[in-house]
Amino acid sequence: MPEPRNDFLQERIEEKFIDNEIEFDVYQRHKRKINDDIALKSKEINNYSFDVSNLCTNINIFCEISSKINFIWENGTAEVRERMLTMLFPRGVFFDKLNNDYRTENMNSIFEVMCRLTDMYEVNKKRQIGISTDLPLLVAGTGLEPVTFGL
């Protein structure tokens, strides 16, 4: 698939030739150069094979690892922990002396999305627990009169 810039260049060179702004040999030379560029880029793209089954396998491995992250951290060697930190926080972790806490500039985008989804799930779960649709919205209070079951 040609990239938009090459399409644009191809159209421009054709327009210049049609408008007699360039000679036929100049047109041919530039057209050949653009086509060679397109062929090279297409070949490069084809070298990056996209195997869906491999992708599914990697997603499954990622899900398994991420679901056991606490266990891996607690039971892992120093090398395993270091690799995990690098995976989670690509730019590293530093100690903030002012707040006496560890900080990071960014998190691996996949884990960041997972954290956001987990937070959204927890908020939604709390809302569902806090508000029950099975209970009546108004309940008669107690006072001098006997308790009634409704208003």
N, C-alpha and C. Protein backbone atom coordinates (compact mmCIF):
# COMPACT_ATOMS: atom_id res chain seq x y z
N MET A 1 0.85 -1.17 0.00
CA MET A 1 0.00 0.00 0.00
C MET A 1 0.89 1.24 0.00
N PRO A 2 0.80 2.07 -1.04
CA PRO A 2 1.64 3.25 -1.10
C PRO A 2 1.27 4.24 -0.01
N GLU A 3 2.27 4.94 0.48
CA GLU A 3 1.97 5.92 1.51
C GLU A 3 1.48 7.20 0.85
N PRO A 4 0.72 8.02 1.58
CA PRO A 4 0.10 9.21 1.00
C PRO A 4 1.12 10.17 0.35
N ARG A 5 2.29 10.28 0.94
CA ARG A 5 3.29 11.20 0.38
C ARG A 5 3.68 10.75 -1.02
N ASN A 6 3.87 9.45 -1.24
CA ASN A 6 4.23 8.95 -2.57
C ASN A 6 3.10 9.15 -3.56
N ASP A 7 1.86 8.96 -3.11
CA ASP A 7 0.71 9.22 -3.98
C ASP A 7 0.71 10.68 -4.42
N PHE A 8 0.96 11.56 -3.46
CA PHE A 8 0.99 12.99 -3.74
C PHE A 8 2.10 13.32 -4.75
N LEU A 9 3.29 12.76 -4.52
CA LEU A 9 4.41 13.01 -5.42
C LEU A 9 4.12 12.48 -6.82
N GLN A 10 3.51 11.31 -6.88
CA GLN A 10 3.18 10.72 -8.17
C GLN A 10 2.19 11.61 -8.94
N GLU A 11 1.18 12.10 -8.25
CA GLU A 11 0.21 12.99 -8.88
C GLU A 11 0.87 14.29 -9.35
N ARG A 12 1.74 14.85 -8.50
CA ARG A 12 2.42 16.11 -8.87
C ARG A 12 3.27 15.95 -10.11
N ILE A 13 4.03 14.85 -10.17
CA ILE A 13 4.93 14.66 -11.31
C ILE A 13 4.10 14.45 -12.59
N GLU A 14 2.95 13.76 -12.47
CA GLU A 14 2.07 13.58 -13.62
C GLU A 14 1.48 14.91 -14.08
N GLU A 15 1.06 15.73 -13.11
CA GLU A 15 0.51 17.06 -13.45
C GLU A 15 1.55 17.92 -14.16
N LYS A 16 2.78 17.91 -13.65
CA LYS A 16 3.85 18.70 -14.27
C LYS A 16 4.11 18.24 -15.70
N PHE A 17 4.05 16.92 -15.92
CA PHE A 17 4.27 16.40 -17.27
C PHE A 17 3.12 16.80 -18.19
N ILE A 18 1.89 16.66 -17.69
CA ILE A 18 0.71 17.01 -18.49
C ILE A 18 0.72 18.49 -18.84
N ASP A 19 1.13 19.32 -17.88
CA ASP A 19 1.16 20.77 -18.10
C ASP A 19 2.42 21.22 -18.86
N ASN A 20 3.19 20.28 -19.36
CA ASN A 20 4.42 20.56 -20.11
C ASN A 20 5.45 21.36 -19.30
N GLU A 21 5.46 21.18 -17.99
CA GLU A 21 6.45 21.85 -17.15
C GLU A 21 7.75 21.06 -17.09
N ILE A 22 7.68 19.76 -17.39
CA ILE A 22 8.89 18.93 -17.40
C ILE A 22 8.90 18.07 -18.67
N GLU A 23 10.10 17.67 -19.06
CA GLU A 23 10.27 16.83 -20.24
C GLU A 23 9.93 15.37 -19.91
N PHE A 24 9.70 14.58 -20.95
CA PHE A 24 9.33 13.18 -20.80
C PHE A 24 10.40 12.38 -20.05
N ASP A 25 11.68 12.60 -20.37
CA ASP A 25 12.74 11.84 -19.70
C ASP A 25 12.82 12.19 -18.21
N VAL A 26 12.58 13.46 -17.85
CA VAL A 26 12.57 13.86 -16.43
C VAL A 26 11.38 13.21 -15.74
N TYR A 27 10.24 13.21 -16.41
CA TYR A 27 9.05 12.55 -15.87
C TYR A 27 9.31 11.08 -15.61
N GLN A 28 9.88 10.38 -16.59
CA GLN A 28 10.17 8.96 -16.47
C GLN A 28 11.12 8.68 -15.31
N ARG A 29 12.15 9.50 -15.18
CA ARG A 29 13.15 9.32 -14.13
C ARG A 29 12.51 9.46 -12.75
N HIS A 30 11.71 10.52 -12.56
CA HIS A 30 11.06 10.74 -11.26
C HIS A 30 10.00 9.69 -10.97
N LYS A 31 9.26 9.31 -12.00
CA LYS A 31 8.24 8.28 -11.82
C LYS A 31 8.88 6.96 -11.41
N ARG A 32 10.00 6.61 -12.04
CA ARG A 32 10.72 5.38 -11.71
C ARG A 32 11.23 5.45 -10.25
N LYS A 33 11.75 6.60 -9.87
CA LYS A 33 12.25 6.77 -8.50
C LYS A 33 11.11 6.60 -7.48
N ILE A 34 9.97 7.20 -7.75
CA ILE A 34 8.82 7.08 -6.84
C ILE A 34 8.34 5.63 -6.78
N ASN A 35 8.26 4.98 -7.93
CA ASN A 35 7.81 3.57 -7.96
C ASN A 35 8.80 2.66 -7.24
N ASP A 36 10.10 2.94 -7.39
CA ASP A 36 11.11 2.16 -6.66
C ASP A 36 10.94 2.34 -5.15
N ASP A 37 10.67 3.58 -4.76
CA ASP A 37 10.45 3.88 -3.33
C ASP A 37 9.23 3.13 -2.81
N ILE A 38 8.16 3.12 -3.60
CA ILE A 38 6.94 2.40 -3.21
C ILE A 38 7.23 0.90 -3.08
N ALA A 39 7.95 0.35 -4.05
CA ALA A 39 8.28 -1.08 -4.03
C ALA A 39 9.13 -1.42 -2.81
N LEU A 40 10.11 -0.58 -2.50
CA LEU A 40 10.98 -0.82 -1.35
C LEU A 40 10.18 -0.79 -0.05
N LYS A 41 9.32 0.20 0.09
CA LYS A 41 8.52 0.31 1.31
C LYS A 41 7.52 -0.84 1.43
N SER A 42 6.97 -1.27 0.30
CA SER A 42 6.06 -2.42 0.32
C SER A 42 6.80 -3.68 0.76
N LYS A 43 8.02 -3.84 0.28
CA LYS A 43 8.83 -4.99 0.66
C LYS A 43 9.14 -4.95 2.16
N GLU A 44 9.48 -3.76 2.67
CA GLU A 44 9.76 -3.62 4.11
C GLU A 44 8.53 -3.97 4.93
N ILE A 45 7.37 -3.53 4.47
CA ILE A 45 6.13 -3.82 5.20
C ILE A 45 5.88 -5.33 5.21
N ASN A 46 6.10 -5.99 4.08
CA ASN A 46 5.88 -7.43 4.00
C ASN A 46 6.85 -8.21 4.87
N ASN A 47 8.03 -7.64 5.16
CA ASN A 47 8.99 -8.31 6.03
C ASN A 47 8.50 -8.38 7.47
N TYR A 48 7.63 -7.45 7.85
CA TYR A 48 7.06 -7.45 9.19
C TYR A 48 5.79 -8.28 9.15
N SER A 49 5.95 -9.57 9.31
CA SER A 49 4.79 -10.45 9.25
C SER A 49 3.94 -10.25 10.50
N PHE A 50 2.66 -10.32 10.31
CA PHE A 50 1.71 -10.14 11.39
C PHE A 50 0.95 -11.44 11.56
N ASP A 51 1.45 -12.26 12.44
CA ASP A 51 0.86 -13.58 12.67
C ASP A 51 -0.16 -13.46 13.80
N VAL A 52 -1.43 -13.58 13.47
CA VAL A 52 -2.49 -13.41 14.45
C VAL A 52 -2.43 -14.47 15.53
N SER A 53 -2.09 -15.71 15.17
CA SER A 53 -2.03 -16.76 16.17
C SER A 53 -0.91 -16.46 17.18
N ASN A 54 0.21 -15.92 16.69
CA ASN A 54 1.29 -15.53 17.57
C ASN A 54 0.84 -14.39 18.49
N LEU A 55 0.08 -13.46 17.95
CA LEU A 55 -0.45 -12.35 18.74
C LEU A 55 -1.35 -12.87 19.86
N CYS A 56 -2.23 -13.81 19.52
CA CYS A 56 -3.14 -14.38 20.53
C CYS A 56 -2.35 -15.10 21.62
N THR A 57 -1.32 -15.82 21.23
CA THR A 57 -0.48 -16.51 22.21
C THR A 57 0.17 -15.50 23.14
N ASN A 58 0.72 -14.42 22.58
CA ASN A 58 1.37 -13.40 23.40
C ASN A 58 0.39 -12.68 24.31
N ILE A 59 -0.82 -12.44 23.84
CA ILE A 59 -1.84 -11.82 24.69
C ILE A 59 -2.19 -12.74 25.85
N ASN A 60 -2.31 -14.02 25.58
CA ASN A 60 -2.61 -14.99 26.65
C ASN A 60 -1.48 -15.04 27.68
N ILE A 61 -0.24 -15.03 27.21
CA ILE A 61 0.91 -15.03 28.12
C ILE A 61 0.90 -13.76 28.96
N PHE A 62 0.64 -12.61 28.31
CA PHE A 62 0.58 -11.34 29.03
C PHE A 62 -0.50 -11.38 30.11
N CYS A 63 -1.68 -11.88 29.76
CA CYS A 63 -2.78 -11.95 30.74
C CYS A 63 -2.41 -12.85 31.92
N GLU A 64 -1.76 -13.96 31.64
CA GLU A 64 -1.35 -14.87 32.70
C GLU A 64 -0.33 -14.20 33.63
N ILE A 65 0.66 -13.56 33.04
CA ILE A 65 1.69 -12.89 33.85
C ILE A 65 1.09 -11.76 34.65
N SER A 66 0.26 -10.93 34.01
CA SER A 66 -0.30 -9.77 34.71
C SER A 66 -1.26 -10.17 35.82
N SER A 67 -1.91 -11.32 35.68
CA SER A 67 -2.81 -11.76 36.73
C SER A 67 -2.06 -12.31 37.94
N LYS A 68 -0.77 -12.64 37.77
CA LYS A 68 0.04 -13.19 38.85
C LYS A 68 1.17 -12.25 39.24
N ILE A 69 0.99 -10.97 38.96
CA ILE A 69 2.09 -10.03 39.15
C ILE A 69 2.54 -9.93 40.61
N ASN A 70 1.60 -9.97 41.54
CA ASN A 70 1.97 -9.91 42.97
C ASN A 70 2.78 -11.15 43.38
N PHE A 71 2.33 -12.31 42.93
CA PHE A 71 3.03 -13.55 43.25
C PHE A 71 4.44 -13.54 42.67
N ILE A 72 4.54 -13.11 41.41
CA ILE A 72 5.86 -13.06 40.75
C ILE A 72 6.78 -12.10 41.48
N TRP A 73 6.25 -10.95 41.90
CA TRP A 73 7.08 -9.96 42.61
C TRP A 73 7.56 -10.51 43.95
N GLU A 74 6.64 -11.10 44.71
CA GLU A 74 6.98 -11.60 46.04
C GLU A 74 7.94 -12.78 45.99
N ASN A 75 7.83 -13.63 44.97
CA ASN A 75 8.63 -14.85 44.92
C ASN A 75 9.77 -14.79 43.90
N GLY A 76 9.87 -13.71 43.18
CA GLY A 76 10.88 -13.61 42.13
C GLY A 76 12.26 -13.25 42.67
N THR A 77 13.27 -13.58 41.88
CA THR A 77 14.64 -13.20 42.22
C THR A 77 14.82 -11.71 41.92
N ALA A 78 15.97 -11.18 42.29
CA ALA A 78 16.27 -9.78 42.02
C ALA A 78 16.22 -9.50 40.51
N GLU A 79 16.72 -10.45 39.73
CA GLU A 79 16.71 -10.28 38.27
C GLU A 79 15.29 -10.24 37.72
N VAL A 80 14.41 -11.12 38.23
CA VAL A 80 13.02 -11.14 37.79
C VAL A 80 12.34 -9.83 38.17
N ARG A 81 12.59 -9.35 39.38
CA ARG A 81 11.99 -8.09 39.82
C ARG A 81 12.47 -6.92 38.96
N GLU A 82 13.75 -6.91 38.64
CA GLU A 82 14.31 -5.84 37.81
C GLU A 82 13.67 -5.85 36.42
N ARG A 83 13.51 -7.04 35.83
CA ARG A 83 12.87 -7.15 34.52
C ARG A 83 11.42 -6.71 34.59
N MET A 84 10.74 -7.05 35.69
CA MET A 84 9.35 -6.66 35.85
C MET A 84 9.24 -5.14 35.97
N LEU A 85 10.13 -4.51 36.74
CA LEU A 85 10.11 -3.06 36.86
C LEU A 85 10.34 -2.40 35.50
N THR A 86 11.26 -2.95 34.72
CA THR A 86 11.54 -2.40 33.40
C THR A 86 10.33 -2.55 32.49
N MET A 87 9.63 -3.67 32.61
CA MET A 87 8.44 -3.91 31.80
C MET A 87 7.31 -2.95 32.21
N LEU A 88 7.11 -2.78 33.51
CA LEU A 88 6.03 -1.93 34.00
C LEU A 88 6.33 -0.44 33.82
N PHE A 89 7.57 -0.06 34.10
CA PHE A 89 7.96 1.35 34.07
C PHE A 89 9.17 1.53 33.15
N PRO A 90 8.93 1.67 31.84
CA PRO A 90 10.02 1.70 30.87
C PRO A 90 11.06 2.80 31.12
N ARG A 91 10.65 3.93 31.68
CA ARG A 91 11.60 5.02 31.96
C ARG A 91 12.20 4.94 33.35
N GLY A 92 11.88 3.89 34.06
CA GLY A 92 12.47 3.67 35.37
C GLY A 92 11.66 4.24 36.51
N VAL A 93 12.14 3.98 37.71
CA VAL A 93 11.51 4.44 38.95
C VAL A 93 12.57 5.21 39.73
N PHE A 94 12.16 6.31 40.36
CA PHE A 94 13.11 7.06 41.17
C PHE A 94 12.50 7.36 42.54
N PHE A 95 13.37 7.67 43.49
CA PHE A 95 12.93 7.94 44.85
C PHE A 95 12.79 9.44 45.05
N ASP A 96 11.62 9.87 45.51
CA ASP A 96 11.33 11.28 45.78
C ASP A 96 11.62 11.54 47.26
N LYS A 97 12.75 12.19 47.55
CA LYS A 97 13.16 12.43 48.95
C LYS A 97 12.17 13.34 49.67
N LEU A 98 11.62 14.31 48.96
CA LEU A 98 10.71 15.26 49.56
C LEU A 98 9.46 14.58 50.13
N ASN A 99 8.90 13.65 49.36
CA ASN A 99 7.69 12.95 49.79
C ASN A 99 7.97 11.57 50.37
N ASN A 100 9.25 11.17 50.39
CA ASN A 100 9.65 9.87 50.89
C ASN A 100 8.86 8.75 50.21
N ASP A 101 8.85 8.81 48.86
CA ASP A 101 8.04 7.88 48.10
C ASP A 101 8.72 7.59 46.76
N TYR A 102 8.35 6.48 46.12
CA TYR A 102 8.86 6.13 44.80
C TYR A 102 7.96 6.72 43.73
N ARG A 103 8.55 7.20 42.66
CA ARG A 103 7.81 7.84 41.57
C ARG A 103 8.27 7.29 40.22
N THR A 104 7.44 7.51 39.21
CA THR A 104 7.80 7.17 37.84
C THR A 104 7.18 8.20 36.91
N GLU A 105 7.84 8.45 35.79
CA GLU A 105 7.29 9.41 34.83
C GLU A 105 6.18 8.80 33.99
N ASN A 106 6.30 7.53 33.71
CA ASN A 106 5.24 6.89 32.94
C ASN A 106 5.20 5.40 33.24
N MET A 107 4.09 4.79 32.82
CA MET A 107 3.89 3.36 33.02
C MET A 107 3.68 2.74 31.64
N ASN A 108 3.98 1.47 31.51
CA ASN A 108 3.72 0.75 30.29
C ASN A 108 2.26 0.97 29.93
N SER A 109 1.99 1.36 28.69
CA SER A 109 0.64 1.77 28.30
C SER A 109 -0.40 0.66 28.49
N ILE A 110 -0.01 -0.58 28.30
CA ILE A 110 -0.96 -1.68 28.49
C ILE A 110 -1.35 -1.80 29.96
N PHE A 111 -0.37 -1.69 30.85
CA PHE A 111 -0.67 -1.76 32.28
C PHE A 111 -1.44 -0.52 32.73
N GLU A 112 -1.15 0.61 32.12
CA GLU A 112 -1.88 1.83 32.46
C GLU A 112 -3.37 1.68 32.13
N VAL A 113 -3.66 1.11 30.97
CA VAL A 113 -5.05 0.86 30.58
C VAL A 113 -5.69 -0.13 31.54
N MET A 114 -4.94 -1.18 31.89
CA MET A 114 -5.47 -2.16 32.83
C MET A 114 -5.81 -1.51 34.17
N CYS A 115 -4.94 -0.63 34.66
CA CYS A 115 -5.20 0.05 35.94
C CYS A 115 -6.44 0.92 35.85
N ARG A 116 -6.59 1.63 34.74
CA ARG A 116 -7.77 2.48 34.58
C ARG A 116 -9.05 1.63 34.53
N LEU A 117 -9.00 0.52 33.80
CA LEU A 117 -10.17 -0.35 33.74
C LEU A 117 -10.50 -0.92 35.11
N THR A 118 -9.48 -1.31 35.86
CA THR A 118 -9.69 -1.83 37.20
C THR A 118 -10.30 -0.76 38.10
N ASP A 119 -9.79 0.47 38.02
CA ASP A 119 -10.35 1.57 38.81
C ASP A 119 -11.82 1.82 38.45
N MET A 120 -12.12 1.82 37.15
CA MET A 120 -13.50 2.03 36.72
C MET A 120 -14.39 0.91 37.23
N TYR A 121 -13.89 -0.32 37.19
CA TYR A 121 -14.66 -1.47 37.67
C TYR A 121 -14.93 -1.33 39.16
N GLU A 122 -13.91 -0.94 39.93
CA GLU A 122 -14.08 -0.79 41.38
C GLU A 122 -15.08 0.31 41.72
N VAL A 123 -15.02 1.44 41.01
CA VAL A 123 -15.97 2.53 41.25
C VAL A 123 -17.38 2.06 40.92
N ASN A 124 -17.54 1.38 39.80
CA ASN A 124 -18.84 0.88 39.39
C ASN A 124 -19.36 -0.14 40.40
N LYS A 125 -18.47 -1.00 40.89
CA LYS A 125 -18.84 -2.02 41.87
C LYS A 125 -19.32 -1.36 43.17
N LYS A 126 -18.63 -0.30 43.62
CA LYS A 126 -19.03 0.41 44.84
C LYS A 126 -20.39 1.07 44.66
N ARG A 127 -20.63 1.64 43.49
CA ARG A 127 -21.92 2.27 43.22
C ARG A 127 -23.04 1.24 43.28
N GLN A 128 -22.81 0.08 42.73
CA GLN A 128 -23.85 -0.94 42.71
C GLN A 128 -24.12 -1.46 44.11
N ILE A 129 -23.10 -1.53 44.93
CA ILE A 129 -23.29 -1.99 46.31
C ILE A 129 -23.98 -0.91 47.12
N GLY A 130 -23.63 0.36 46.90
CA GLY A 130 -24.17 1.48 47.68
C GLY A 130 -25.63 1.76 47.39
N ILE A 131 -26.11 1.52 46.19
CA ILE A 131 -27.49 1.81 45.83
C ILE A 131 -28.17 0.52 45.41
N SER A 132 -29.18 0.15 46.17
CA SER A 132 -29.91 -1.06 45.83
C SER A 132 -31.25 -0.67 45.24
N THR A 133 -31.57 -1.18 44.09
CA THR A 133 -32.85 -0.87 43.45
C THR A 133 -33.99 -1.70 44.03
N ASP A 134 -33.68 -2.66 44.88
CA ASP A 134 -34.72 -3.50 45.48
C ASP A 134 -35.40 -2.83 46.66
N LEU A 135 -34.77 -1.82 47.24
CA LEU A 135 -35.33 -1.16 48.41
C LEU A 135 -36.21 0.01 47.99
N PRO A 136 -37.30 0.27 48.75
CA PRO A 136 -38.13 1.42 48.42
C PRO A 136 -37.36 2.72 48.65
N LEU A 137 -37.67 3.75 47.84
CA LEU A 137 -36.96 5.02 47.96
C LEU A 137 -37.41 5.82 49.18
N LEU A 138 -38.67 5.67 49.62
CA LEU A 138 -39.17 6.40 50.78
C LEU A 138 -39.65 5.42 51.84
N VAL A 139 -39.24 5.63 53.06
CA VAL A 139 -39.65 4.77 54.16
C VAL A 139 -40.19 5.68 55.26
N ALA A 140 -41.31 5.30 55.82
CA ALA A 140 -41.91 6.11 56.89
C ALA A 140 -41.02 6.07 58.12
N GLY A 141 -40.87 7.19 58.78
CA GLY A 141 -40.02 7.28 59.96
C GLY A 141 -40.78 6.92 61.22
N THR A 142 -40.07 6.90 62.35
CA THR A 142 -40.71 6.60 63.64
C THR A 142 -40.89 7.89 64.40
N GLY A 143 -41.78 7.88 65.32
CA GLY A 143 -42.03 9.06 66.14
C GLY A 143 -43.09 8.72 67.17
N LEU A 144 -44.01 9.64 67.40
CA LEU A 144 -45.08 9.42 68.36
C LEU A 144 -46.09 8.42 67.86
N GLU A 145 -46.24 8.37 66.56
CA GLU A 145 -47.22 7.44 65.99
C GLU A 145 -46.53 6.08 65.78
N PRO A 146 -47.29 5.02 65.71
CA PRO A 146 -46.69 3.71 65.45
C PRO A 146 -46.06 3.65 64.04
N VAL A 147 -45.09 2.79 63.89
CA VAL A 147 -44.40 2.63 62.60
C VAL A 147 -45.38 2.13 61.57
N THR A 148 -45.38 2.74 60.39
CA THR A 148 -46.25 2.30 59.30
C THR A 148 -45.38 1.73 58.19
N PHE A 149 -45.96 0.93 57.39
CA PHE A 149 -45.23 0.33 56.27
C PHE A 149 -45.59 1.06 54.98
N GLY A 150 -45.16 2.27 54.86
CA GLY A 150 -45.43 3.06 53.66
C GLY A 150 -45.87 4.44 54.04
N LEU A 151 -46.09 5.23 53.04
CA LEU A 151 -46.52 6.62 53.29
C LEU A 151 -47.96 6.82 52.97
